[in-house]
Amino acid sequence: MTANIHQLTARFLKLDANGKTGKNHLASLIQKRNKTTLFLMALVLVFVLSAGLLRGQSNSGKHGIWHSDFRKAYDEAKRTNRPLLIHFYADWCMPCQKMEKEVLSSRELSQLVNNDFVAVKINADHHQDVVEHFSVKSLPSDVIIDPAGKVLLRNKGYLKPNVYLAGIHSASKSYQPGAPPKQEVPRQTQKPGSMPAEQRGEASSVKVGLNGFCPVSLYLNKKWERGNPDFKASFQDVVYFFTSRQARDEFQRSPEKYAPEYLGCDPVILTESGHAVPGSTKYAAYSKERLYLFLIPETRERFNRTPEKYINYRQALNIEQIEQTADAGFVRESF
């Protein structure tokens, strides 16, 4: 071991080509090592700062879809021909804070809004003029309008993510960019029955339930069969088509047995938010021999888990209360 130490000492003490001692060589090695350490530390610092910057950019992009200036947002909605989603909140409002965290910051909503809407958040304490204009009485609230200023949808109070998204989806489907203004009001944004039939025209005044499928065939045979417009009957201001005269007569004997519950509106959305949003023939389910339609698969799944929670909605509905009629549950055509 002593010999090894002497060899190591001699290595550092021997003269180099320029006559410098091994001490200088050792100092040079230490200096190089310090430079390497500093370089690595700088590299780590750059990585950390870059990660923070990217994270900040990601968060900025996530919330960047929301405007804070109503006028600018509305001008953009008109320029891009997209509906405007207006969210009303206040800093002191606890349900608003919960909705911000659990609903408005979700990736699903961000994607939907970014693709189909212009969105703006309005602090109710700072913009009373906008609050009064849209008759907002409680917080949080949401209003969706088309570029012409027509209201497509209203929400009030805290809504669960799936219910909130369902309403936004429905509003998105009900709006047709570029539709002529004269047709856009009665066919898309006007609540059915709120405009005289002679002003709407025959085509827009007919609300055909189940998208034209025969409710009797569906109930008895569990088959989706197209009805014949020659065999039709009306129930609660909704017209249904049937495969035969016999099917129509059977329906007229007990229409409540065959027609979808809640005028075909999604029972989950109706129960949890009070909004009458039509379901789709794509997502249907029977419970206790009654037919229910759902806007999206998620609400049907919730219903199937606890149907008793949604089948006892007591408030009577009429056709004028339905907020969106461009969904698959209704068609508006002349036959």
C-alpha atoms as a PDB file:
ATOM      1  CA  MET A   1       0.000   0.000   0.000  1.00  0.00           C
ATOM      2  CA  THR A   2       2.922   2.327   0.814  1.00  0.00           C
ATOM      3  CA  ALA A   3       4.334   1.757  -2.669  1.00  0.00           C
ATOM      4  CA  ASN A   4       0.991   2.689  -4.233  1.00  0.00           C
ATOM      5  CA  ILE A   5       0.859   5.926  -2.241  1.00  0.00           C
ATOM      6  CA  HIS A   6       4.386   6.838  -3.315  1.00  0.00           C
ATOM      7  CA  GLN A   7       3.506   6.148  -6.950  1.00  0.00           C
ATOM      8  CA  LEU A   8       0.400   8.318  -6.732  1.00  0.00           C
ATOM      9  CA  THR A   9       2.386  11.123  -5.072  1.00  0.00           C
ATOM     10  CA  ALA A  10       5.111  10.903  -7.685  1.00  0.00           C
ATOM     11  CA  ARG A  11       2.508  11.104 -10.448  1.00  0.00           C
ATOM     12  CA  PHE A  12       1.234  14.441  -9.214  1.00  0.00           C
ATOM     13  CA  LEU A  13       4.640  15.831  -8.323  1.00  0.00           C
ATOM     14  CA  LYS A  14       6.421  14.982 -11.575  1.00  0.00           C
ATOM     15  CA  LEU A  15       7.215  17.790 -13.957  1.00  0.00           C
ATOM     16  CA  ASP A  16       5.025  18.234 -17.028  1.00  0.00           C
ATOM     17  CA  ALA A  17       6.240  19.221 -20.482  1.00  0.00           C
ATOM     18  CA  ASN A  18       6.304  22.916 -19.570  1.00  0.00           C
ATOM     19  CA  GLY A  19       8.129  22.344 -16.337  1.00  0.00           C
ATOM     20  CA  LYS A  20       5.059  22.890 -14.157  1.00  0.00           C
ATOM     21  CA  THR A  21       4.802  20.947 -10.938  1.00  0.00           C
ATOM     22  CA  GLY A  22       2.198  18.337 -10.195  1.00  0.00           C
ATOM     23  CA  LYS A  23       0.554  20.733  -7.775  1.00  0.00           C
ATOM     24  CA  ASN A  24      -0.480  22.948 -10.644  1.00  0.00           C
ATOM     25  CA  HIS A  25      -1.729  19.905 -12.509  1.00  0.00           C
ATOM     26  CA  LEU A  26      -3.820  18.899  -9.506  1.00  0.00           C
ATOM     27  CA  ALA A  27      -5.268  22.417  -9.268  1.00  0.00           C
ATOM     28  CA  SER A  28      -6.131  22.252 -12.947  1.00  0.00           C
ATOM     29  CA  LEU A  29      -7.992  18.987 -12.464  1.00  0.00           C
ATOM     30  CA  ILE A  30      -9.916  20.448  -9.528  1.00  0.00           C
ATOM     31  CA  GLN A  31     -10.811  23.519 -11.598  1.00  0.00           C
ATOM     32  CA  LYS A  32     -12.085  21.343 -14.436  1.00  0.00           C
ATOM     33  CA  ARG A  33     -14.148  19.324 -11.968  1.00  0.00           C
ATOM     34  CA  ASN A  34     -15.671  22.507 -10.536  1.00  0.00           C
ATOM     35  CA  LYS A  35     -16.558  23.711 -14.041  1.00  0.00           C
ATOM     36  CA  THR A  36     -18.248  20.378 -14.781  1.00  0.00           C
ATOM     37  CA  THR A  37     -20.228  20.602 -11.541  1.00  0.00           C
ATOM     38  CA  LEU A  38     -21.326  24.157 -12.314  1.00  0.00           C
ATOM     39  CA  PHE A  39     -22.353  23.117 -15.818  1.00  0.00           C
ATOM     40  CA  LEU A  40     -24.456  20.257 -14.485  1.00  0.00           C
ATOM     41  CA  MET A  41     -26.070  22.537 -11.914  1.00  0.00           C
ATOM     42  CA  ALA A  42     -26.891  25.080 -14.605  1.00  0.00           C
ATOM     43  CA  LEU A  43     -28.330  22.338 -16.783  1.00  0.00           C
ATOM     44  CA  VAL A  44     -30.596  21.164 -13.955  1.00  0.00           C
ATOM     45  CA  LEU A  45     -31.691  24.749 -13.282  1.00  0.00           C
ATOM     46  CA  VAL A  46     -32.564  25.260 -16.954  1.00  0.00           C
ATOM     47  CA  PHE A  47     -34.569  22.022 -16.945  1.00  0.00           C
ATOM     48  CA  VAL A  48     -36.509  23.028 -13.816  1.00  0.00           C
ATOM     49  CA  LEU A  49     -37.272  26.492 -15.154  1.00  0.00           C
ATOM     50  CA  SER A  50     -38.326  25.079 -18.522  1.00  0.00           C
ATOM     51  CA  ALA A  51     -40.643  22.571 -16.886  1.00  0.00           C
ATOM     52  CA  GLY A  52     -42.230  25.331 -14.841  1.00  0.00           C
ATOM     53  CA  LEU A  53     -42.646  27.494 -17.917  1.00  0.00           C
ATOM     54  CA  LEU A  54     -44.255  24.672 -19.869  1.00  0.00           C
ATOM     55  CA  ARG A  55     -46.536  23.899 -16.965  1.00  0.00           C
ATOM     56  CA  GLY A  56     -47.514  27.544 -16.779  1.00  0.00           C
ATOM     57  CA  GLN A  57     -48.166  27.612 -20.525  1.00  0.00           C
ATOM     58  CA  SER A  58     -50.279  24.476 -20.210  1.00  0.00           C
ATOM     59  CA  ASN A  59     -52.375  26.014 -17.474  1.00  0.00           C
ATOM     60  CA  SER A  60     -52.642  29.241 -19.429  1.00  0.00           C
ATOM     61  CA  GLY A  61     -53.889  27.352 -22.458  1.00  0.00           C
ATOM     62  CA  LYS A  62     -56.365  25.424 -20.344  1.00  0.00           C
ATOM     63  CA  HIS A  63     -58.007  28.579 -19.031  1.00  0.00           C
ATOM     64  CA  GLY A  64     -57.213  30.742 -22.013  1.00  0.00           C
ATOM     65  CA  ILE A  65     -60.479  29.774 -23.728  1.00  0.00           C
ATOM     66  CA  TRP A  66     -62.354  32.046 -21.305  1.00  0.00           C
ATOM     67  CA  HIS A  67     -62.610  35.744 -22.036  1.00  0.00           C
ATOM     68  CA  SER A  68     -63.129  38.317 -19.302  1.00  0.00           C
ATOM     69  CA  ASP A  69     -64.529  41.108 -21.498  1.00  0.00           C
ATOM     70  CA  PHE A  70     -68.119  40.555 -22.607  1.00  0.00           C
ATOM     71  CA  ARG A  71     -67.995  42.963 -25.548  1.00  0.00           C
ATOM     72  CA  LYS A  72     -64.848  41.432 -27.000  1.00  0.00           C
ATOM     73  CA  ALA A  73     -66.220  37.917 -26.524  1.00  0.00           C
ATOM     74  CA  TYR A  74     -69.527  38.804 -28.172  1.00  0.00           C
ATOM     75  CA  ASP A  75     -67.748  40.465 -31.089  1.00  0.00           C
ATOM     76  CA  GLU A  76     -65.672  37.312 -31.554  1.00  0.00           C
ATOM     77  CA  ALA A  77     -68.811  35.151 -31.443  1.00  0.00           C
ATOM     78  CA  LYS A  78     -70.348  37.251 -34.217  1.00  0.00           C
ATOM     79  CA  ARG A  79     -67.139  37.280 -36.230  1.00  0.00           C
ATOM     80  CA  THR A  80     -66.629  33.503 -35.995  1.00  0.00           C
ATOM     81  CA  ASN A  81     -70.376  32.695 -36.170  1.00  0.00           C
ATOM     82  CA  ARG A  82     -70.296  30.633 -32.976  1.00  0.00           C
ATOM     83  CA  PRO A  83     -72.560  30.665 -29.913  1.00  0.00           C
ATOM     84  CA  LEU A  84     -71.399  32.517 -26.817  1.00  0.00           C
ATOM     85  CA  LEU A  85     -71.229  30.770 -23.427  1.00  0.00           C
ATOM     86  CA  ILE A  86     -71.547  33.294 -20.585  1.00  0.00           C
ATOM     87  CA  HIS A  87     -70.685  32.117 -17.064  1.00  0.00           C
ATOM     88  CA  PHE A  88     -71.707  34.367 -14.161  1.00  0.00           C
ATOM     89  CA  TYR A  89     -69.875  34.066 -10.829  1.00  0.00           C
ATOM     90  CA  ALA A  90     -68.649  36.011  -7.814  1.00  0.00           C
ATOM     91  CA  ASP A  91     -65.499  35.705  -5.743  1.00  0.00           C
ATOM     92  CA  TRP A  92     -67.462  35.209  -2.509  1.00  0.00           C
ATOM     93  CA  CYS A  93     -69.700  32.498  -3.998  1.00  0.00           C
ATOM     94  CA  MET A  94     -68.719  29.044  -2.678  1.00  0.00           C
ATOM     95  CA  PRO A  95     -70.767  27.078  -5.273  1.00  0.00           C
ATOM     96  CA  CYS A  96     -69.042  29.194  -7.932  1.00  0.00           C
ATOM     97  CA  GLN A  97     -65.647  28.158  -6.599  1.00  0.00           C
ATOM     98  CA  LYS A  98     -66.695  24.523  -6.549  1.00  0.00           C
ATOM     99  CA  MET A  99     -67.966  24.752 -10.099  1.00  0.00           C
ATOM    100  CA  GLU A 100     -64.742  26.434 -11.221  1.00  0.00           C
ATOM    101  CA  LYS A 101     -62.688  23.607  -9.750  1.00  0.00           C
ATOM    102  CA  GLU A 102     -64.830  20.612 -10.665  1.00  0.00           C
ATOM    103  CA  VAL A 103     -66.571  21.659 -13.895  1.00  0.00           C
ATOM    104  CA  LEU A 104     -65.133  24.652 -15.718  1.00  0.00           C
ATOM    105  CA  SER A 105     -61.538  23.456 -15.499  1.00  0.00           C
ATOM    106  CA  SER A 106     -62.266  19.990 -16.899  1.00  0.00           C
ATOM    107  CA  ARG A 107     -60.529  18.877 -20.063  1.00  0.00           C
ATOM    108  CA  GLU A 108     -63.813  17.718 -21.616  1.00  0.00           C
ATOM    109  CA  LEU A 109     -65.427  21.120 -21.243  1.00  0.00           C
ATOM    110  CA  SER A 110     -62.308  22.912 -22.441  1.00  0.00           C
ATOM    111  CA  GLN A 111     -62.256  20.839 -25.613  1.00  0.00           C
ATOM    112  CA  LEU A 112     -65.953  21.328 -26.270  1.00  0.00           C
ATOM    113  CA  VAL A 113     -65.822  25.079 -25.689  1.00  0.00           C
ATOM    114  CA  ASN A 114     -62.659  25.476 -27.716  1.00  0.00           C
ATOM    115  CA  ASN A 115     -64.223  23.674 -30.683  1.00  0.00           C
ATOM    116  CA  ASP A 116     -67.780  24.998 -30.683  1.00  0.00           C
ATOM    117  CA  PHE A 117     -68.107  28.141 -28.564  1.00  0.00           C
ATOM    118  CA  VAL A 118     -66.724  31.474 -27.556  1.00  0.00           C
ATOM    119  CA  ALA A 119     -66.719  31.650 -23.742  1.00  0.00           C
ATOM    120  CA  VAL A 120     -66.628  34.497 -21.238  1.00  0.00           C
ATOM    121  CA  LYS A 121     -66.668  34.636 -17.438  1.00  0.00           C
ATOM    122  CA  ILE A 122     -68.546  37.566 -15.899  1.00  0.00           C
ATOM    123  CA  ASN A 123     -67.906  38.655 -12.325  1.00  0.00           C
ATOM    124  CA  ALA A 124     -71.392  39.615 -11.212  1.00  0.00           C
ATOM    125  CA  ASP A 125     -70.082  42.194  -8.720  1.00  0.00           C
ATOM    126  CA  HIS A 126     -68.151  44.054 -11.399  1.00  0.00           C
ATOM    127  CA  HIS A 127     -70.539  43.860 -14.358  1.00  0.00           C
ATOM    128  CA  GLN A 128     -74.032  44.569 -13.101  1.00  0.00           C
ATOM    129  CA  ASP A 129     -75.089  45.822 -16.530  1.00  0.00           C
ATOM    130  CA  VAL A 130     -74.498  42.377 -18.083  1.00  0.00           C
ATOM    131  CA  VAL A 131     -76.153  40.664 -15.115  1.00  0.00           C
ATOM    132  CA  GLU A 132     -79.265  42.796 -15.469  1.00  0.00           C
ATOM    133  CA  HIS A 133     -79.357  42.438 -19.234  1.00  0.00           C
ATOM    134  CA  PHE A 134     -79.599  38.641 -18.962  1.00  0.00           C
ATOM    135  CA  SER A 135     -81.848  38.739 -15.862  1.00  0.00           C
ATOM    136  CA  VAL A 136     -79.448  36.652 -13.783  1.00  0.00           C
ATOM    137  CA  LYS A 137     -80.934  36.173 -10.316  1.00  0.00           C
ATOM    138  CA  SER A 138     -78.631  33.588  -8.744  1.00  0.00           C
ATOM    139  CA  LEU A 139     -75.021  32.414  -8.851  1.00  0.00           C
ATOM    140  CA  PRO A 140     -73.488  30.580 -10.463  1.00  0.00           C
ATOM    141  CA  SER A 141     -75.482  30.928 -13.693  1.00  0.00           C
ATOM    142  CA  ASP A 142     -74.833  30.296 -17.347  1.00  0.00           C
ATOM    143  CA  VAL A 143     -76.448  31.689 -20.467  1.00  0.00           C
ATOM    144  CA  ILE A 144     -75.725  30.566 -24.010  1.00  0.00           C
ATOM    145  CA  ILE A 145     -76.708  32.890 -26.857  1.00  0.00           C
ATOM    146  CA  ASP A 146     -76.283  32.705 -30.607  1.00  0.00           C
ATOM    147  CA  PRO A 147     -74.475  35.476 -32.544  1.00  0.00           C
ATOM    148  CA  ALA A 148     -77.824  37.244 -33.019  1.00  0.00           C
ATOM    149  CA  GLY A 149     -78.342  37.398 -29.246  1.00  0.00           C
ATOM    150  CA  LYS A 150     -81.042  34.719 -29.004  1.00  0.00           C
ATOM    151  CA  VAL A 151     -80.889  32.610 -25.847  1.00  0.00           C
ATOM    152  CA  LEU A 152     -80.164  28.940 -26.530  1.00  0.00           C
ATOM    153  CA  LEU A 153     -79.829  27.696 -22.959  1.00  0.00           C
ATOM    154  CA  ARG A 154     -79.964  28.861 -19.335  1.00  0.00           C
ATOM    155  CA  ASN A 155     -78.451  27.154 -16.302  1.00  0.00           C
ATOM    156  CA  LYS A 156     -78.589  28.276 -12.698  1.00  0.00           C
ATOM    157  CA  GLY A 157     -76.889  26.941  -9.612  1.00  0.00           C
ATOM    158  CA  TYR A 158     -74.113  24.416  -9.279  1.00  0.00           C
ATOM    159  CA  LEU A 159     -74.400  21.553 -11.782  1.00  0.00           C
ATOM    160  CA  LYS A 160     -72.518  18.286 -11.741  1.00  0.00           C
ATOM    161  CA  PRO A 161     -69.985  17.919 -14.568  1.00  0.00           C
ATOM    162  CA  ASN A 162     -71.980  15.369 -16.565  1.00  0.00           C
ATOM    163  CA  VAL A 163     -75.193  17.428 -16.328  1.00  0.00           C
ATOM    164  CA  TYR A 164     -73.428  20.654 -17.257  1.00  0.00           C
ATOM    165  CA  LEU A 165     -71.704  19.012 -20.222  1.00  0.00           C
ATOM    166  CA  ALA A 166     -74.975  17.473 -21.393  1.00  0.00           C
ATOM    167  CA  GLY A 167     -76.603  20.899 -21.536  1.00  0.00           C
ATOM    168  CA  ILE A 168     -73.640  22.376 -23.394  1.00  0.00           C
ATOM    169  CA  HIS A 169     -73.696  19.476 -25.864  1.00  0.00           C
ATOM    170  CA  SER A 170     -77.405  20.044 -26.435  1.00  0.00           C
ATOM    171  CA  ALA A 171     -76.934  23.753 -27.083  1.00  0.00           C
ATOM    172  CA  SER A 172     -74.093  22.998 -29.464  1.00  0.00           C
ATOM    173  CA  LYS A 173     -76.232  20.567 -31.454  1.00  0.00           C
ATOM    174  CA  SER A 174     -79.166  22.956 -31.575  1.00  0.00           C
ATOM    175  CA  TYR A 175     -77.138  25.728 -33.185  1.00  0.00           C
ATOM    176  CA  GLN A 176     -76.534  25.646 -36.940  1.00  0.00           C
ATOM    177  CA  PRO A 177     -73.846  28.091 -38.092  1.00  0.00           C
ATOM    178  CA  GLY A 178     -74.809  30.076 -41.121  1.00  0.00           C
ATOM    179  CA  ALA A 179     -78.531  29.330 -40.865  1.00  0.00           C
ATOM    180  CA  PRO A 180     -80.679  32.155 -42.285  1.00  0.00           C
ATOM    181  CA  PRO A 181     -81.942  34.344 -39.427  1.00  0.00           C
ATOM    182  CA  LYS A 182     -85.619  33.894 -40.333  1.00  0.00           C
ATOM    183  CA  GLN A 183     -85.360  30.128 -40.019  1.00  0.00           C
ATOM    184  CA  GLU A 184     -82.880  30.126 -37.166  1.00  0.00           C
ATOM    185  CA  VAL A 185     -85.294  31.596 -34.645  1.00  0.00           C
ATOM    186  CA  PRO A 186     -88.263  29.220 -35.037  1.00  0.00           C
ATOM    187  CA  ARG A 187     -86.304  26.120 -36.013  1.00  0.00           C
ATOM    188  CA  GLN A 188     -83.465  26.262 -33.539  1.00  0.00           C
ATOM    189  CA  THR A 189     -83.584  28.868 -30.817  1.00  0.00           C
ATOM    190  CA  GLN A 190     -87.301  29.489 -30.346  1.00  0.00           C
ATOM    191  CA  LYS A 191     -89.040  27.349 -27.783  1.00  0.00           C
ATOM    192  CA  PRO A 192     -91.752  25.264 -29.445  1.00  0.00           C
ATOM    193  CA  GLY A 193     -95.173  26.775 -29.158  1.00  0.00           C
ATOM    194  CA  SER A 194     -93.886  30.250 -28.226  1.00  0.00           C
ATOM    195  CA  MET A 195     -94.419  31.521 -31.776  1.00  0.00           C
ATOM    196  CA  PRO A 196     -97.735  31.254 -33.653  1.00  0.00           C
ATOM    197  CA  ALA A 197     -97.907  28.358 -36.085  1.00  0.00           C
ATOM    198  CA  GLU A 198     -98.772  30.638 -38.979  1.00  0.00           C
ATOM    199  CA  GLN A 199     -95.491  32.496 -38.404  1.00  0.00           C
ATOM    200  CA  ARG A 200     -93.424  29.338 -38.030  1.00  0.00           C
ATOM    201  CA  GLY A 201     -94.882  27.585 -41.019  1.00  0.00           C
ATOM    202  CA  GLU A 202     -96.237  24.078 -41.212  1.00  0.00           C
ATOM    203  CA  ALA A 203     -92.853  22.357 -41.290  1.00  0.00           C
ATOM    204  CA  SER A 204     -91.563  23.960 -38.091  1.00  0.00           C
ATOM    205  CA  SER A 205     -94.864  23.548 -36.210  1.00  0.00           C
ATOM    206  CA  VAL A 206     -94.858  19.745 -36.357  1.00  0.00           C
ATOM    207  CA  LYS A 207     -93.003  18.006 -33.555  1.00  0.00           C
ATOM    208  CA  VAL A 208     -92.606  14.345 -34.359  1.00  0.00           C
ATOM    209  CA  GLY A 209     -91.759  12.196 -31.363  1.00  0.00           C
ATOM    210  CA  LEU A 210     -89.250   9.333 -31.319  1.00  0.00           C
ATOM    211  CA  ASN A 211     -87.732  10.659 -34.528  1.00  0.00           C
ATOM    212  CA  GLY A 212     -90.560   9.050 -36.490  1.00  0.00           C
ATOM    213  CA  PHE A 213     -90.247   5.557 -35.004  1.00  0.00           C
ATOM    214  CA  CYS A 214     -93.399   3.688 -33.996  1.00  0.00           C
ATOM    215  CA  PRO A 215     -93.814   3.671 -30.173  1.00  0.00           C
ATOM    216  CA  VAL A 216     -96.198   0.699 -30.227  1.00  0.00           C
ATOM    217  CA  SER A 217     -93.797  -1.491 -32.182  1.00  0.00           C
ATOM    218  CA  LEU A 218     -91.013  -0.471 -29.831  1.00  0.00           C
ATOM    219  CA  TYR A 219     -93.028  -1.377 -26.748  1.00  0.00           C
ATOM    220  CA  LEU A 220     -94.534  -4.647 -27.991  1.00  0.00           C
ATOM    221  CA  ASN A 221     -91.755  -5.992 -30.188  1.00  0.00           C
ATOM    222  CA  LYS A 222     -88.718  -4.106 -28.868  1.00  0.00           C
ATOM    223  CA  LYS A 223     -87.951  -3.058 -32.440  1.00  0.00           C
ATOM    224  CA  TRP A 224     -87.168   0.360 -33.868  1.00  0.00           C
ATOM    225  CA  GLU A 225     -89.498   0.461 -36.854  1.00  0.00           C
ATOM    226  CA  ARG A 226     -90.216   3.568 -38.878  1.00  0.00           C
ATOM    227  CA  GLY A 227     -93.781   4.737 -38.677  1.00  0.00           C
ATOM    228  CA  ASN A 228     -95.934   5.693 -41.644  1.00  0.00           C
ATOM    229  CA  PRO A 229     -96.975   9.378 -41.727  1.00  0.00           C
ATOM    230  CA  ASP A 230    -100.381   8.213 -42.978  1.00  0.00           C
ATOM    231  CA  PHE A 231    -100.967   6.641 -39.560  1.00  0.00           C
ATOM    232  CA  LYS A 232    -100.324   9.287 -36.965  1.00  0.00           C
ATOM    233  CA  ALA A 233    -101.708  10.420 -33.647  1.00  0.00           C
ATOM    234  CA  SER A 234    -100.977  13.286 -31.273  1.00  0.00           C
ATOM    235  CA  PHE A 235    -100.321  13.126 -27.555  1.00  0.00           C
ATOM    236  CA  GLN A 236     -99.315  16.122 -25.407  1.00  0.00           C
ATOM    237  CA  ASP A 237     -98.742  18.188 -28.573  1.00  0.00           C
ATOM    238  CA  VAL A 238     -96.276  15.645 -29.968  1.00  0.00           C
ATOM    239  CA  VAL A 239     -97.117  13.701 -33.130  1.00  0.00           C
ATOM    240  CA  TYR A 240     -96.215  10.015 -33.385  1.00  0.00           C
ATOM    241  CA  PHE A 241     -96.129   7.846 -36.511  1.00  0.00           C
ATOM    242  CA  PHE A 242     -97.207   4.185 -36.559  1.00  0.00           C
ATOM    243  CA  THR A 243     -96.551   1.146 -38.697  1.00  0.00           C
ATOM    244  CA  SER A 244    -100.244   0.411 -39.166  1.00  0.00           C
ATOM    245  CA  ARG A 245    -103.758   1.595 -38.420  1.00  0.00           C
ATOM    246  CA  GLN A 246    -104.019  -1.076 -35.720  1.00  0.00           C
ATOM    247  CA  ALA A 247    -100.885   0.239 -34.008  1.00  0.00           C
ATOM    248  CA  ARG A 248    -102.255   3.765 -34.088  1.00  0.00           C
ATOM    249  CA  ASP A 249    -105.577   2.652 -32.598  1.00  0.00           C
ATOM    250  CA  GLU A 250    -103.748   0.759 -29.861  1.00  0.00           C
ATOM    251  CA  PHE A 251    -101.741   3.866 -29.015  1.00  0.00           C
ATOM    252  CA  GLN A 252    -104.856   6.023 -28.815  1.00  0.00           C
ATOM    253  CA  ARG A 253    -106.431   3.661 -26.290  1.00  0.00           C
ATOM    254  CA  SER A 254    -103.609   4.218 -23.786  1.00  0.00           C
ATOM    255  CA  PRO A 255    -101.022   6.732 -25.044  1.00  0.00           C
ATOM    256  CA  GLU A 256     -99.307   7.025 -21.632  1.00  0.00           C
ATOM    257  CA  LYS A 257     -98.296   3.395 -21.970  1.00  0.00           C
ATOM    258  CA  TYR A 258     -96.388   3.910 -25.208  1.00  0.00           C
ATOM    259  CA  ALA A 259     -95.188   7.517 -25.303  1.00  0.00           C
ATOM    260  CA  PRO A 260     -91.806   8.284 -23.714  1.00  0.00           C
ATOM    261  CA  GLU A 261     -91.888   9.712 -20.218  1.00  0.00           C
ATOM    262  CA  TYR A 262     -91.325  13.445 -19.633  1.00  0.00           C
ATOM    263  CA  LEU A 263     -92.104  14.210 -23.297  1.00  0.00           C
ATOM    264  CA  GLY A 264     -88.925  12.359 -24.233  1.00  0.00           C
ATOM    265  CA  CYS A 265     -86.691  14.600 -22.103  1.00  0.00           C
ATOM    266  CA  ASP A 266     -83.638  13.191 -20.340  1.00  0.00           C
ATOM    267  CA  PRO A 267     -84.861  12.290 -16.803  1.00  0.00           C
ATOM    268  CA  VAL A 268     -81.418  12.642 -15.233  1.00  0.00           C
ATOM    269  CA  ILE A 269     -80.899  16.182 -16.495  1.00  0.00           C
ATOM    270  CA  LEU A 270     -84.488  17.059 -15.668  1.00  0.00           C
ATOM    271  CA  THR A 271     -84.259  15.785 -12.084  1.00  0.00           C
ATOM    272  CA  GLU A 272     -80.821  17.159 -11.283  1.00  0.00           C
ATOM    273  CA  SER A 273     -81.032  20.538 -12.984  1.00  0.00           C
ATOM    274  CA  GLY A 274     -84.707  21.179 -13.733  1.00  0.00           C
ATOM    275  CA  HIS A 275     -83.958  21.641 -17.438  1.00  0.00           C
ATOM    276  CA  ALA A 276     -86.158  19.875 -19.984  1.00  0.00           C
ATOM    277  CA  VAL A 277     -83.610  18.707 -22.560  1.00  0.00           C
ATOM    278  CA  PRO A 278     -84.785  16.104 -25.108  1.00  0.00           C
ATOM    279  CA  GLY A 279     -83.169  12.700 -25.060  1.00  0.00           C
ATOM    280  CA  SER A 280     -82.112  10.793 -28.138  1.00  0.00           C
ATOM    281  CA  THR A 281     -83.498   7.654 -29.723  1.00  0.00           C
ATOM    282  CA  LYS A 282     -79.882   6.449 -29.711  1.00  0.00           C
ATOM    283  CA  TYR A 283     -79.960   6.191 -25.920  1.00  0.00           C
ATOM    284  CA  ALA A 284     -83.209   4.692 -24.657  1.00  0.00           C
ATOM    285  CA  ALA A 285     -84.152   2.456 -21.748  1.00  0.00           C
ATOM    286  CA  TYR A 286     -87.269   0.901 -20.246  1.00  0.00           C
ATOM    287  CA  SER A 287     -87.939   0.964 -16.522  1.00  0.00           C
ATOM    288  CA  LYS A 288     -91.136  -0.480 -15.064  1.00  0.00           C
ATOM    289  CA  GLU A 289     -92.492  -0.739 -18.610  1.00  0.00           C
ATOM    290  CA  ARG A 290     -92.024   2.973 -19.247  1.00  0.00           C
ATOM    291  CA  LEU A 291     -89.793   4.384 -21.972  1.00  0.00           C
ATOM    292  CA  TYR A 292     -87.097   6.964 -21.177  1.00  0.00           C
ATOM    293  CA  LEU A 293     -84.774   8.780 -23.579  1.00  0.00           C
ATOM    294  CA  PHE A 294     -81.334  10.115 -22.697  1.00  0.00           C
ATOM    295  CA  LEU A 295     -79.155  12.767 -24.244  1.00  0.00           C
ATOM    296  CA  ILE A 296     -75.838  10.980 -23.732  1.00  0.00           C
ATOM    297  CA  PRO A 297     -74.724   7.474 -22.629  1.00  0.00           C
ATOM    298  CA  GLU A 298     -73.500   8.787 -19.261  1.00  0.00           C
ATOM    299  CA  THR A 299     -76.954   9.926 -18.142  1.00  0.00           C
ATOM    300  CA  ARG A 300     -78.455   6.593 -19.207  1.00  0.00           C
ATOM    301  CA  GLU A 301     -75.846   4.767 -17.134  1.00  0.00           C
ATOM    302  CA  ARG A 302     -76.637   6.934 -14.111  1.00  0.00           C
ATOM    303  CA  PHE A 303     -80.329   6.201 -14.577  1.00  0.00           C
ATOM    304  CA  ASN A 304     -79.774   2.448 -14.849  1.00  0.00           C
ATOM    305  CA  ARG A 305     -77.823   2.427 -11.564  1.00  0.00           C
ATOM    306  CA  THR A 306     -80.592   4.144  -9.560  1.00  0.00           C
ATOM    307  CA  PRO A 307     -83.754   4.491 -11.693  1.00  0.00           C
ATOM    308  CA  GLU A 308     -86.002   5.151  -8.689  1.00  0.00           C
ATOM    309  CA  LYS A 309     -84.153   8.424  -8.201  1.00  0.00           C
ATOM    310  CA  TYR A 310     -85.346   9.747 -11.563  1.00  0.00           C
ATOM    311  CA  ILE A 311     -88.760   8.238 -12.288  1.00  0.00           C
ATOM    312  CA  ASN A 312     -90.707  10.239  -9.730  1.00  0.00           C
ATOM    313  CA  TYR A 313     -90.250  13.750 -11.066  1.00  0.00           C
ATOM    314  CA  ARG A 314     -93.548  15.378 -10.129  1.00  0.00           C
ATOM    315  CA  GLN A 315     -93.541  18.674 -11.979  1.00  0.00           C
ATOM    316  CA  ALA A 316     -95.841  18.588 -15.003  1.00  0.00           C
ATOM    317  CA  LEU A 317     -94.188  19.333 -18.344  1.00  0.00           C
ATOM    318  CA  ASN A 318     -95.574  20.777 -21.521  1.00  0.00           C
ATOM    319  CA  ILE A 319     -94.046  21.145 -24.946  1.00  0.00           C
ATOM    320  CA  GLU A 320     -93.256  24.820 -24.403  1.00  0.00           C
ATOM    321  CA  GLN A 321     -90.859  24.011 -21.580  1.00  0.00           C
ATOM    322  CA  ILE A 322     -88.520  21.978 -23.748  1.00  0.00           C
ATOM    323  CA  GLU A 323     -85.359  23.995 -24.130  1.00  0.00           C
ATOM    324  CA  GLN A 324     -83.848  22.323 -27.160  1.00  0.00           C
ATOM    325  CA  THR A 325     -85.813  20.719 -29.983  1.00  0.00           C
ATOM    326  CA  ALA A 326     -83.072  20.058 -32.521  1.00  0.00           C
ATOM    327  CA  ASP A 327     -82.013  16.891 -30.765  1.00  0.00           C
ATOM    328  CA  ALA A 328     -82.573  13.428 -32.192  1.00  0.00           C
ATOM    329  CA  GLY A 329     -85.662  12.879 -30.040  1.00  0.00           C
ATOM    330  CA  PHE A 330     -87.663  15.264 -32.219  1.00  0.00           C
ATOM    331  CA  VAL A 331     -87.769  15.974 -35.915  1.00  0.00           C
ATOM    332  CA  ARG A 332     -89.333  19.051 -37.469  1.00  0.00           C
ATOM    333  CA  GLU A 333     -90.357  18.241 -40.968  1.00  0.00           C
ATOM    334  CA  SER A 334     -93.380  18.092 -43.211  1.00  0.00           C
ATOM    335  CA  PHE A 335     -94.311  14.594 -44.376  1.00  0.00           C
END
